[in-house]
N, C-alpha and C. Protein backbone atom coordinates (compact mmCIF):
# COMPACT_ATOMS: atom_id res chain seq x y z
N MET A 1 0.76 -1.15 -0.07
CA MET A 1 0.00 0.03 0.12
C MET A 1 0.85 1.18 0.04
N ALA A 2 0.27 2.40 -0.35
CA ALA A 2 1.04 3.51 -0.55
C ALA A 2 0.21 4.71 -0.48
N THR A 3 0.80 5.78 -0.19
CA THR A 3 0.04 7.25 -0.19
C THR A 3 0.06 7.52 -1.80
N GLN A 4 -1.00 7.92 -2.17
CA GLN A 4 -0.96 8.29 -3.61
C GLN A 4 -1.99 9.46 -4.05
N LEU A 5 -1.72 10.25 -5.07
CA LEU A 5 -2.61 11.04 -5.65
C LEU A 5 -3.50 10.62 -6.66
N ILE A 6 -4.77 10.75 -6.57
CA ILE A 6 -5.62 9.89 -7.51
C ILE A 6 -6.21 11.00 -8.30
N SER A 7 -6.35 11.00 -9.69
CA SER A 7 -7.06 12.06 -10.50
C SER A 7 -8.05 11.22 -11.12
N VAL A 8 -9.25 11.79 -11.40
CA VAL A 8 -10.22 11.18 -12.25
C VAL A 8 -10.57 12.45 -13.18
N LEU A 9 -10.55 11.99 -14.52
CA LEU A 9 -10.94 13.02 -15.45
C LEU A 9 -11.46 12.67 -16.78
N LYS A 10 -12.31 13.38 -17.35
CA LYS A 10 -13.02 12.87 -18.50
C LYS A 10 -12.45 14.15 -19.78
N VAL A 11 -12.05 13.40 -20.86
CA VAL A 11 -11.68 14.47 -22.07
C VAL A 11 -12.59 14.21 -22.98
N ALA A 12 -13.11 15.18 -23.52
CA ALA A 12 -14.34 15.07 -24.69
C ALA A 12 -13.68 15.25 -25.88
N GLY A 13 -14.61 14.70 -26.72
CA GLY A 13 -14.39 14.91 -28.40
C GLY A 13 -13.16 14.52 -29.02
N SER A 14 -12.65 15.33 -29.90
CA SER A 14 -11.39 15.18 -30.64
C SER A 14 -10.26 14.89 -29.68
N ALA A 15 -10.10 15.80 -28.53
CA ALA A 15 -9.09 15.70 -27.74
C ALA A 15 -9.01 14.15 -26.97
N GLY A 16 -10.20 13.94 -26.71
CA GLY A 16 -10.73 12.48 -25.98
C GLY A 16 -9.85 11.33 -26.79
N ASP A 17 -10.31 11.50 -28.09
CA ASP A 17 -9.90 10.56 -29.35
C ASP A 17 -8.25 10.63 -29.34
N PHE A 18 -7.73 11.74 -29.32
CA PHE A 18 -6.38 11.76 -29.21
C PHE A 18 -5.79 11.16 -28.09
N VAL A 19 -6.23 11.44 -27.02
CA VAL A 19 -5.73 10.86 -25.77
C VAL A 19 -5.94 9.31 -25.82
N TRP A 20 -6.99 8.90 -26.13
CA TRP A 20 -7.16 7.39 -26.27
C TRP A 20 -6.31 6.82 -27.32
N GLN A 21 -5.99 7.23 -28.51
CA GLN A 21 -5.19 6.77 -29.45
C GLN A 21 -3.66 6.61 -28.79
N ARG A 22 -3.41 7.90 -28.21
CA ARG A 22 -2.03 7.74 -27.48
C ARG A 22 -1.90 6.68 -26.59
N LEU A 23 -2.77 6.50 -25.52
CA LEU A 23 -2.88 5.37 -24.58
C LEU A 23 -2.83 4.19 -25.20
N HIS A 24 -3.80 3.80 -26.24
CA HIS A 24 -3.79 2.66 -26.94
C HIS A 24 -2.58 2.26 -27.57
N GLY A 25 -2.01 3.15 -28.14
CA GLY A 25 -0.71 3.01 -28.82
C GLY A 25 0.49 2.62 -27.87
N TRP A 26 0.54 3.19 -26.75
CA TRP A 26 1.50 2.98 -25.57
C TRP A 26 1.12 1.70 -24.86
N ALA A 27 -0.08 1.36 -24.79
CA ALA A 27 -0.43 0.02 -24.07
C ALA A 27 0.15 -1.19 -25.00
N ALA A 28 0.15 -0.78 -26.19
CA ALA A 28 0.47 -2.02 -27.15
C ALA A 28 2.09 -2.22 -27.14
N LYS A 29 2.74 -1.26 -26.61
CA LYS A 29 4.17 -1.41 -26.43
C LYS A 29 4.59 -1.93 -25.18
N ARG A 30 3.66 -2.56 -24.46
CA ARG A 30 4.14 -3.14 -23.23
C ARG A 30 4.80 -4.46 -23.40
N GLN A 31 5.85 -4.73 -22.70
CA GLN A 31 6.50 -6.09 -22.79
C GLN A 31 6.12 -6.91 -21.58
N ASP A 32 5.28 -7.94 -22.11
CA ASP A 32 4.59 -8.61 -20.85
C ASP A 32 5.78 -9.75 -20.34
N VAL A 33 5.91 -9.66 -18.92
CA VAL A 33 6.99 -10.43 -18.35
C VAL A 33 6.30 -11.63 -17.47
N GLY A 34 5.27 -11.52 -17.44
CA GLY A 34 4.50 -12.57 -16.62
C GLY A 34 3.03 -12.30 -16.35
N VAL A 35 2.35 -13.30 -16.16
CA VAL A 35 0.81 -13.11 -15.93
C VAL A 35 0.62 -12.33 -14.50
N GLY A 36 -0.16 -11.38 -14.60
CA GLY A 36 -0.54 -10.65 -13.58
C GLY A 36 0.61 -9.63 -12.94
N GLU A 37 1.67 -9.63 -13.74
CA GLU A 37 2.78 -8.76 -13.11
C GLU A 37 2.71 -7.42 -14.09
N TRP A 38 2.64 -6.26 -13.41
CA TRP A 38 2.64 -4.79 -13.90
C TRP A 38 3.93 -4.06 -13.33
N SER A 39 4.62 -3.45 -14.15
CA SER A 39 5.68 -2.77 -13.58
C SER A 39 5.99 -1.38 -14.85
N SER A 40 6.46 -0.32 -14.27
CA SER A 40 6.49 0.78 -15.37
C SER A 40 7.90 0.31 -16.30
N HIS A 41 8.67 -0.74 -15.75
CA HIS A 41 9.74 -1.34 -16.75
C HIS A 41 9.33 -2.05 -17.77
N GLN A 42 8.00 -2.33 -17.99
CA GLN A 42 7.56 -3.32 -19.00
C GLN A 42 7.32 -2.12 -20.21
N TRP A 43 7.64 -0.91 -20.16
CA TRP A 43 7.39 0.01 -21.11
C TRP A 43 8.58 0.49 -21.60
N PRO A 44 8.74 0.98 -22.91
CA PRO A 44 10.06 1.47 -23.10
C PRO A 44 10.32 2.83 -22.51
N PRO A 45 11.44 3.23 -22.37
CA PRO A 45 11.64 4.61 -21.55
C PRO A 45 10.91 5.85 -22.26
N GLU A 46 10.99 5.82 -23.44
CA GLU A 46 10.24 7.03 -24.17
C GLU A 46 8.68 6.97 -24.01
N VAL A 47 8.03 5.75 -23.79
CA VAL A 47 6.68 5.66 -23.69
C VAL A 47 6.61 6.27 -22.14
N ARG A 48 7.27 5.83 -21.23
CA ARG A 48 7.13 6.29 -19.77
C ARG A 48 7.18 7.81 -19.70
N GLN A 49 8.10 8.31 -20.50
CA GLN A 49 8.32 9.88 -20.39
C GLN A 49 7.21 10.64 -20.95
N GLU A 50 6.70 9.85 -21.98
CA GLU A 50 5.35 10.45 -22.73
C GLU A 50 4.21 10.48 -21.73
N ALA A 51 4.06 9.11 -21.34
CA ALA A 51 2.82 8.91 -20.24
C ALA A 51 2.94 9.87 -19.27
N ASP A 52 4.11 10.15 -18.60
CA ASP A 52 4.12 11.19 -17.37
C ASP A 52 4.10 12.56 -17.95
N ARG A 53 4.45 12.83 -19.30
CA ARG A 53 4.17 14.17 -19.67
C ARG A 53 2.80 14.35 -20.10
N LEU A 54 2.02 13.52 -20.67
CA LEU A 54 0.62 13.55 -20.64
C LEU A 54 -0.11 13.86 -19.51
N ALA A 55 0.30 13.07 -18.45
CA ALA A 55 -0.36 13.29 -17.17
C ALA A 55 -0.28 14.53 -16.48
N ASP A 56 0.94 15.16 -16.71
CA ASP A 56 1.32 16.30 -16.30
C ASP A 56 0.60 17.46 -17.06
N LEU A 57 0.27 17.23 -18.29
CA LEU A 57 -0.24 18.19 -19.07
C LEU A 57 -2.02 18.45 -18.71
N LEU A 58 -2.33 17.11 -18.61
CA LEU A 58 -3.85 17.09 -18.34
C LEU A 58 -4.01 17.70 -16.88
N ARG A 59 -3.17 17.37 -16.06
CA ARG A 59 -3.52 17.98 -14.58
C ARG A 59 -3.19 19.53 -14.75
N SER A 60 -2.16 20.10 -15.50
CA SER A 60 -2.05 21.58 -15.48
C SER A 60 -3.03 22.35 -16.39
N HIS A 61 -3.67 21.53 -17.06
CA HIS A 61 -5.04 22.14 -17.91
C HIS A 61 -6.28 21.45 -17.42
N SER A 62 -6.29 21.18 -16.17
CA SER A 62 -7.60 20.51 -15.82
C SER A 62 -8.78 21.38 -15.63
N ALA A 63 -8.75 22.55 -15.60
CA ALA A 63 -9.93 23.43 -15.74
C ALA A 63 -10.11 24.12 -17.05
N SER A 64 -9.58 23.35 -18.15
CA SER A 64 -9.76 23.95 -19.44
C SER A 64 -10.41 22.92 -20.28
N PRO A 65 -11.44 23.63 -21.06
CA PRO A 65 -12.12 22.49 -22.02
C PRO A 65 -11.14 22.17 -23.01
N PRO A 66 -11.23 20.92 -23.38
CA PRO A 66 -12.02 19.81 -23.49
C PRO A 66 -12.07 18.83 -22.30
N ILE A 67 -11.42 19.13 -21.20
CA ILE A 67 -11.38 18.48 -20.02
C ILE A 67 -12.73 18.85 -19.45
N ILE A 68 -13.65 17.94 -19.19
CA ILE A 68 -14.95 18.40 -18.84
C ILE A 68 -15.17 17.92 -17.31
N HIS A 69 -14.28 16.96 -17.00
CA HIS A 69 -14.53 16.86 -15.43
C HIS A 69 -13.22 16.40 -14.98
N PHE A 70 -12.95 16.83 -13.68
CA PHE A 70 -11.66 16.72 -13.20
C PHE A 70 -11.87 16.86 -11.59
N VAL A 71 -11.30 15.50 -10.89
CA VAL A 71 -11.25 15.61 -9.44
C VAL A 71 -10.14 14.96 -8.83
N GLU A 72 -9.44 15.58 -7.81
CA GLU A 72 -8.17 14.90 -7.42
C GLU A 72 -8.32 14.87 -5.78
N TRP A 73 -7.72 13.46 -5.23
CA TRP A 73 -7.49 13.47 -4.01
C TRP A 73 -6.44 12.78 -3.41
N VAL A 74 -6.11 12.63 -2.38
CA VAL A 74 -4.87 11.83 -1.68
C VAL A 74 -5.51 10.47 -1.03
N ASP A 75 -5.08 9.37 -1.62
CA ASP A 75 -5.50 8.13 -0.83
C ASP A 75 -4.35 7.48 -0.26
N ALA A 76 -4.37 7.21 1.06
CA ALA A 76 -3.36 6.57 1.73
C ALA A 76 -3.65 5.07 2.00
N TRP A 77 -4.36 4.70 1.22
CA TRP A 77 -4.81 3.28 1.78
C TRP A 77 -4.86 2.09 0.50
N THR A 78 -5.54 2.72 -0.55
CA THR A 78 -6.10 1.70 -1.42
C THR A 78 -4.69 0.99 -2.10
N VAL A 79 -4.91 -0.39 -2.39
CA VAL A 79 -3.75 -1.16 -3.14
C VAL A 79 -3.87 -0.80 -4.63
N GLY A 80 -2.83 -0.79 -5.36
CA GLY A 80 -2.54 -0.27 -6.69
C GLY A 80 -3.48 -0.94 -7.59
N ASP A 81 -3.55 -2.27 -7.76
CA ASP A 81 -4.46 -2.92 -8.61
C ASP A 81 -5.99 -2.81 -8.51
N THR A 82 -6.31 -1.90 -7.55
CA THR A 82 -7.72 -1.87 -7.16
C THR A 82 -8.24 -0.96 -8.39
N PHE A 83 -7.28 -0.03 -8.85
CA PHE A 83 -7.84 0.90 -9.84
C PHE A 83 -8.06 0.24 -11.31
N ALA A 84 -7.03 -0.79 -11.55
CA ALA A 84 -7.26 -1.37 -12.67
C ALA A 84 -8.39 -2.31 -12.98
N ARG A 85 -8.94 -2.76 -11.59
CA ARG A 85 -10.05 -3.59 -11.63
C ARG A 85 -11.36 -3.03 -12.04
N TRP A 86 -11.44 -1.71 -11.87
CA TRP A 86 -12.71 -1.25 -12.33
C TRP A 86 -12.85 -1.12 -13.73
N PHE A 87 -11.83 -1.11 -14.51
CA PHE A 87 -11.79 -1.12 -15.87
C PHE A 87 -11.37 -2.04 -16.71
N ILE A 88 -10.35 -2.92 -16.39
CA ILE A 88 -9.76 -3.84 -17.14
C ILE A 88 -10.45 -5.32 -16.59
N ARG A 89 -11.48 -5.68 -17.33
CA ARG A 89 -12.20 -6.80 -17.09
C ARG A 89 -11.94 -7.86 -18.30
N GLY A 90 -11.05 -8.64 -18.23
CA GLY A 90 -10.79 -9.57 -19.36
C GLY A 90 -10.12 -9.01 -20.58
N LYS A 91 -9.73 -10.01 -21.34
CA LYS A 91 -8.99 -9.60 -22.59
C LYS A 91 -9.74 -8.66 -23.49
N GLU A 92 -10.97 -8.76 -23.40
CA GLU A 92 -11.73 -7.93 -24.59
C GLU A 92 -11.95 -6.56 -24.01
N SER A 93 -11.49 -6.22 -22.75
CA SER A 93 -11.78 -4.85 -22.20
C SER A 93 -11.65 -3.67 -23.16
N ALA A 94 -12.42 -2.63 -22.90
CA ALA A 94 -12.49 -1.47 -23.46
C ALA A 94 -11.51 -0.50 -22.88
N ALA A 95 -10.84 -0.99 -22.01
CA ALA A 95 -9.78 -0.21 -21.19
C ALA A 95 -8.22 -0.38 -21.69
N VAL A 96 -7.64 0.68 -21.51
CA VAL A 96 -6.10 0.52 -21.48
C VAL A 96 -5.40 0.96 -20.32
N GLN A 97 -4.32 0.28 -19.99
CA GLN A 97 -3.33 0.67 -18.83
C GLN A 97 -2.09 0.89 -19.30
N VAL A 98 -1.32 1.98 -18.95
CA VAL A 98 -0.01 2.52 -19.15
C VAL A 98 0.58 3.00 -17.99
N TYR A 99 2.04 2.73 -17.80
CA TYR A 99 2.59 2.97 -16.59
C TYR A 99 3.54 4.00 -17.17
N GLY A 100 3.94 5.25 -16.69
CA GLY A 100 4.95 6.07 -16.75
C GLY A 100 5.80 5.71 -15.45
N GLU A 101 6.92 6.68 -15.34
CA GLU A 101 7.92 6.62 -14.27
C GLU A 101 7.08 6.98 -12.84
N ARG A 102 6.22 8.15 -13.15
CA ARG A 102 5.65 8.72 -12.07
C ARG A 102 4.28 8.36 -11.89
N TYR A 103 3.68 8.12 -12.96
CA TYR A 103 2.06 7.93 -12.99
C TYR A 103 1.73 6.60 -13.64
N GLU A 104 0.61 5.97 -13.05
CA GLU A 104 -0.18 4.85 -13.84
C GLU A 104 -1.33 5.53 -14.34
N LEU A 105 -1.69 5.22 -15.57
CA LEU A 105 -2.91 5.90 -16.20
C LEU A 105 -3.71 4.77 -16.68
N PHE A 106 -4.95 4.82 -16.27
CA PHE A 106 -5.91 3.89 -16.83
C PHE A 106 -7.00 4.58 -17.64
N GLY A 107 -7.32 4.13 -18.94
CA GLY A 107 -8.18 4.83 -19.67
C GLY A 107 -9.26 4.01 -20.23
N TYR A 108 -10.39 4.52 -20.37
CA TYR A 108 -11.64 3.93 -20.81
C TYR A 108 -12.51 4.82 -21.95
N PHE A 109 -12.79 4.37 -22.88
CA PHE A 109 -13.34 4.99 -23.94
C PHE A 109 -14.78 4.98 -23.92
N LEU A 110 -15.48 6.20 -23.86
CA LEU A 110 -17.04 6.27 -23.77
C LEU A 110 -17.54 6.90 -25.29
N PRO A 111 -18.59 6.65 -25.55
CA PRO A 111 -19.67 5.89 -24.91
C PRO A 111 -19.39 4.23 -24.84
N ASP A 112 -20.14 3.59 -23.95
CA ASP A 112 -19.85 2.21 -23.82
C ASP A 112 -21.45 1.44 -23.67
N GLU A 113 -22.27 2.04 -24.04
CA GLU A 113 -23.73 1.56 -23.82
C GLU A 113 -23.89 1.50 -22.49
N GLY A 114 -23.37 2.04 -21.46
CA GLY A 114 -23.70 2.00 -20.09
C GLY A 114 -22.90 0.94 -19.25
N ALA A 115 -22.09 0.23 -19.89
CA ALA A 115 -21.45 -1.00 -19.46
C ALA A 115 -20.49 -0.57 -17.88
N LEU A 116 -19.92 0.31 -18.01
CA LEU A 116 -19.07 0.89 -16.72
C LEU A 116 -20.07 1.15 -15.67
N ALA A 117 -21.17 1.96 -16.13
CA ALA A 117 -22.16 2.54 -15.10
C ALA A 117 -22.89 1.23 -14.43
N ARG A 118 -23.22 0.32 -15.37
CA ARG A 118 -23.67 -0.94 -14.78
C ARG A 118 -22.86 -1.52 -13.79
N HIS A 119 -21.61 -1.80 -14.15
CA HIS A 119 -20.45 -2.39 -13.50
C HIS A 119 -20.34 -1.72 -12.16
N LEU A 120 -20.28 -0.50 -12.03
CA LEU A 120 -20.12 0.29 -10.76
C LEU A 120 -21.48 0.19 -10.08
N ALA A 121 -22.50 0.14 -10.62
CA ALA A 121 -23.99 0.04 -9.76
C ALA A 121 -24.15 -1.43 -9.17
N GLU A 122 -23.35 -2.25 -9.72
CA GLU A 122 -23.60 -3.75 -9.27
C GLU A 122 -22.63 -4.05 -8.22
N ALA A 123 -21.45 -3.18 -8.05
CA ALA A 123 -20.32 -3.43 -7.16
C ALA A 123 -20.69 -3.71 -5.97
N GLY A 124 -21.75 -3.12 -5.14
CA GLY A 124 -22.12 -3.69 -3.80
C GLY A 124 -21.32 -2.92 -2.81
N PRO A 125 -21.54 -3.21 -1.61
CA PRO A 125 -20.77 -2.50 -0.50
C PRO A 125 -19.22 -2.94 -0.66
N HIS A 126 -18.46 -1.72 0.03
CA HIS A 126 -16.98 -2.28 -0.13
C HIS A 126 -16.51 -2.18 1.41
N GLN A 127 -15.43 -2.96 1.66
CA GLN A 127 -14.81 -3.05 2.86
C GLN A 127 -14.19 -1.64 3.26
N HIS A 128 -13.61 -0.94 2.28
CA HIS A 128 -12.85 0.27 2.81
C HIS A 128 -13.67 1.44 2.19
N PRO A 129 -13.73 2.55 2.90
CA PRO A 129 -14.18 3.84 2.37
C PRO A 129 -13.54 4.45 1.14
N GLU A 130 -12.22 4.31 1.07
CA GLU A 130 -11.60 4.60 -0.08
C GLU A 130 -11.86 3.98 -1.31
N THR A 131 -12.47 2.88 -1.54
CA THR A 131 -12.92 2.14 -2.51
C THR A 131 -14.42 2.79 -3.09
N GLU A 132 -15.02 3.28 -1.96
CA GLU A 132 -16.36 4.00 -2.25
C GLU A 132 -16.03 5.25 -2.81
N TRP A 133 -15.20 5.90 -2.27
CA TRP A 133 -14.64 7.18 -2.92
C TRP A 133 -14.51 7.13 -4.27
N LEU A 134 -13.71 6.16 -4.69
CA LEU A 134 -13.26 5.88 -5.95
C LEU A 134 -14.43 5.65 -7.00
N GLU A 135 -15.21 4.77 -6.54
CA GLU A 135 -16.32 4.55 -7.46
C GLU A 135 -17.29 5.71 -7.52
N SER A 136 -17.49 6.44 -6.25
CA SER A 136 -18.36 7.50 -6.47
C SER A 136 -17.71 8.74 -7.47
N ARG A 137 -16.55 8.84 -7.59
CA ARG A 137 -15.89 9.54 -8.39
C ARG A 137 -15.91 9.09 -10.01
N LEU A 138 -15.91 7.84 -9.96
CA LEU A 138 -16.13 7.36 -11.48
C LEU A 138 -17.46 7.41 -11.79
N GLN A 139 -18.40 7.14 -11.02
CA GLN A 139 -20.00 7.56 -11.33
C GLN A 139 -20.09 8.97 -11.84
N GLU A 140 -19.56 9.97 -11.02
CA GLU A 140 -19.71 11.39 -11.24
C GLU A 140 -19.31 11.70 -12.51
N ALA A 141 -17.94 11.22 -12.85
CA ALA A 141 -17.35 11.53 -14.12
C ALA A 141 -17.99 10.94 -15.45
N LEU A 142 -18.74 9.79 -15.22
CA LEU A 142 -19.45 9.07 -16.14
C LEU A 142 -20.56 9.95 -16.74
N VAL A 143 -21.48 10.80 -15.73
CA VAL A 143 -22.51 11.53 -16.02
C VAL A 143 -22.06 12.90 -16.21
N SER A 144 -20.90 13.40 -16.07
CA SER A 144 -20.58 14.82 -16.25
C SER A 144 -20.67 15.06 -17.75
N TRP A 145 -21.36 16.04 -18.14
CA TRP A 145 -21.55 16.51 -19.42
C TRP A 145 -21.89 15.35 -20.39
N ASP A 146 -22.35 14.23 -20.09
CA ASP A 146 -22.78 13.21 -20.90
C ASP A 146 -23.63 13.46 -21.97
N ARG A 147 -24.55 14.45 -21.82
CA ARG A 147 -25.87 14.79 -22.55
C ARG A 147 -25.21 15.89 -23.65
N LEU A 148 -24.03 16.44 -23.54
CA LEU A 148 -23.50 17.29 -24.42
C LEU A 148 -22.32 16.66 -25.38
N THR A 149 -21.95 15.75 -24.69
CA THR A 149 -20.63 15.03 -25.58
C THR A 149 -21.12 13.62 -26.17
N ASP A 150 -20.62 13.44 -27.22
CA ASP A 150 -21.01 12.07 -27.85
C ASP A 150 -20.08 11.14 -27.63
N ARG A 151 -18.97 11.53 -27.25
CA ARG A 151 -17.79 10.57 -26.88
C ARG A 151 -16.64 11.25 -26.20
N ALA A 152 -15.86 10.47 -25.38
CA ALA A 152 -14.98 10.95 -24.27
C ALA A 152 -13.98 9.79 -23.98
N VAL A 153 -12.85 10.11 -23.40
CA VAL A 153 -12.04 9.26 -22.58
C VAL A 153 -12.12 9.44 -21.08
N LEU A 154 -12.35 8.64 -20.36
CA LEU A 154 -12.36 8.64 -18.86
C LEU A 154 -11.16 7.91 -18.43
N LEU A 155 -10.35 8.91 -17.70
CA LEU A 155 -9.05 8.71 -17.15
C LEU A 155 -9.09 8.46 -15.70
N VAL A 156 -8.21 7.55 -15.10
CA VAL A 156 -7.73 7.67 -13.79
C VAL A 156 -6.24 7.67 -13.92
N MET A 157 -5.56 8.59 -13.11
CA MET A 157 -4.19 8.65 -13.04
C MET A 157 -3.82 8.58 -11.57
N ARG A 158 -2.81 7.67 -11.43
CA ARG A 158 -2.56 7.38 -10.03
C ARG A 158 -1.08 7.46 -9.79
N ARG A 159 -0.51 8.38 -8.80
CA ARG A 159 0.78 8.71 -8.81
C ARG A 159 1.02 8.55 -7.21
N VAL A 160 2.13 7.56 -6.95
CA VAL A 160 2.66 7.23 -5.69
C VAL A 160 3.22 8.53 -5.26
N THR A 161 3.11 8.82 -3.99
CA THR A 161 3.96 10.02 -3.48
C THR A 161 4.73 9.68 -2.09
N GLY A 162 4.21 8.26 -1.70
CA GLY A 162 5.32 7.89 -0.44
C GLY A 162 4.49 6.66 0.09
N PRO A 163 5.01 6.22 1.42
CA PRO A 163 4.44 4.89 1.88
C PRO A 163 3.03 5.41 2.63
N THR A 164 2.39 4.25 2.96
CA THR A 164 0.97 4.44 3.55
C THR A 164 1.25 5.21 4.89
N VAL A 165 0.28 5.89 5.13
CA VAL A 165 0.29 6.75 6.24
C VAL A 165 -0.56 6.02 7.27
N THR A 166 -0.25 5.74 8.35
CA THR A 166 -0.86 4.92 9.50
C THR A 166 -1.80 5.86 10.25
N ASP A 167 -3.02 5.21 10.81
CA ASP A 167 -3.62 6.09 11.82
C ASP A 167 -3.03 6.78 12.71
N GLU A 168 -2.13 6.10 13.49
CA GLU A 168 -1.17 6.62 14.46
C GLU A 168 -0.45 7.89 13.97
N GLU A 169 0.26 7.86 12.78
CA GLU A 169 0.89 9.05 12.05
C GLU A 169 -0.06 10.16 12.01
N ILE A 170 -1.56 9.72 11.41
CA ILE A 170 -2.31 10.91 11.25
C ILE A 170 -2.57 11.58 12.59
N LEU A 171 -3.01 10.74 13.70
CA LEU A 171 -3.13 11.39 14.88
C LEU A 171 -2.25 12.20 15.50
N GLU A 172 -0.92 11.68 15.34
CA GLU A 172 0.34 12.52 15.74
C GLU A 172 0.51 13.66 14.98
N SER A 173 0.26 13.76 13.71
CA SER A 173 0.56 14.94 12.90
C SER A 173 -0.44 15.99 13.19
N SER A 174 -1.64 15.63 13.77
CA SER A 174 -2.63 16.52 14.02
C SER A 174 -2.36 17.31 15.45
N GLN A 175 -1.36 17.03 16.06
CA GLN A 175 -1.04 17.47 17.44
C GLN A 175 0.01 18.82 17.26
N CYS A 176 0.29 19.04 15.92
CA CYS A 176 1.40 20.19 15.87
C CYS A 176 1.08 20.67 14.60
N VAL A 177 1.85 22.00 14.40
CA VAL A 177 1.85 22.61 13.04
C VAL A 177 3.25 22.39 12.47
N PRO A 178 3.05 21.79 11.24
CA PRO A 178 4.44 21.39 10.68
C PRO A 178 5.26 22.54 10.21
N ASP A 179 6.57 22.56 10.07
CA ASP A 179 7.42 23.54 9.90
C ASP A 179 7.06 24.12 8.40
N TRP A 180 6.72 23.28 7.52
CA TRP A 180 6.58 23.64 6.01
C TRP A 180 5.33 24.64 6.14
N LEU A 181 4.44 24.53 6.97
CA LEU A 181 3.10 25.30 7.02
C LEU A 181 3.45 26.80 7.50
N MET A 182 4.28 26.77 8.51
CA MET A 182 4.76 27.88 9.28
C MET A 182 5.62 28.83 8.30
N GLY A 183 6.35 28.21 7.45
CA GLY A 183 7.41 28.68 6.68
C GLY A 183 7.33 30.15 6.41
């Protein structure tokens, strides 16, 4: 487990097509080294650099159309493979997964005749609130501007920022003002 910054965004129209094509092309360059194993080193260095560059560009322009939905939060608990499980469901999946050096990108092309919405609705209760947060953010992104746009790419971007923060560390940190804040 890790502390991670999670971004969920939706890119509409031609820009969404462009992002989808890039992700799809990069995903095809993955060198599979074993069943179920995923690592950034499975992609060529230039793909990893471009994936990180794309993630940085999308985050830096998150308030600009054609990005029609953007939300970001810190998750100190969720295991990395949880993100792929929402999208990657079998060999015929409508999703792609690409790892950069800093980011993991999960892309899903819309419209999908409601397949992802049904999958999310059928998920049932979750053991951890962080999983519910992710599910809710995905549901929000699905309906965001969906009546105005005929196609879009839905992205989840994950960037690990450090080790998991324990409950004890949270409680301890709440007892003082950190130096960086007083600066």
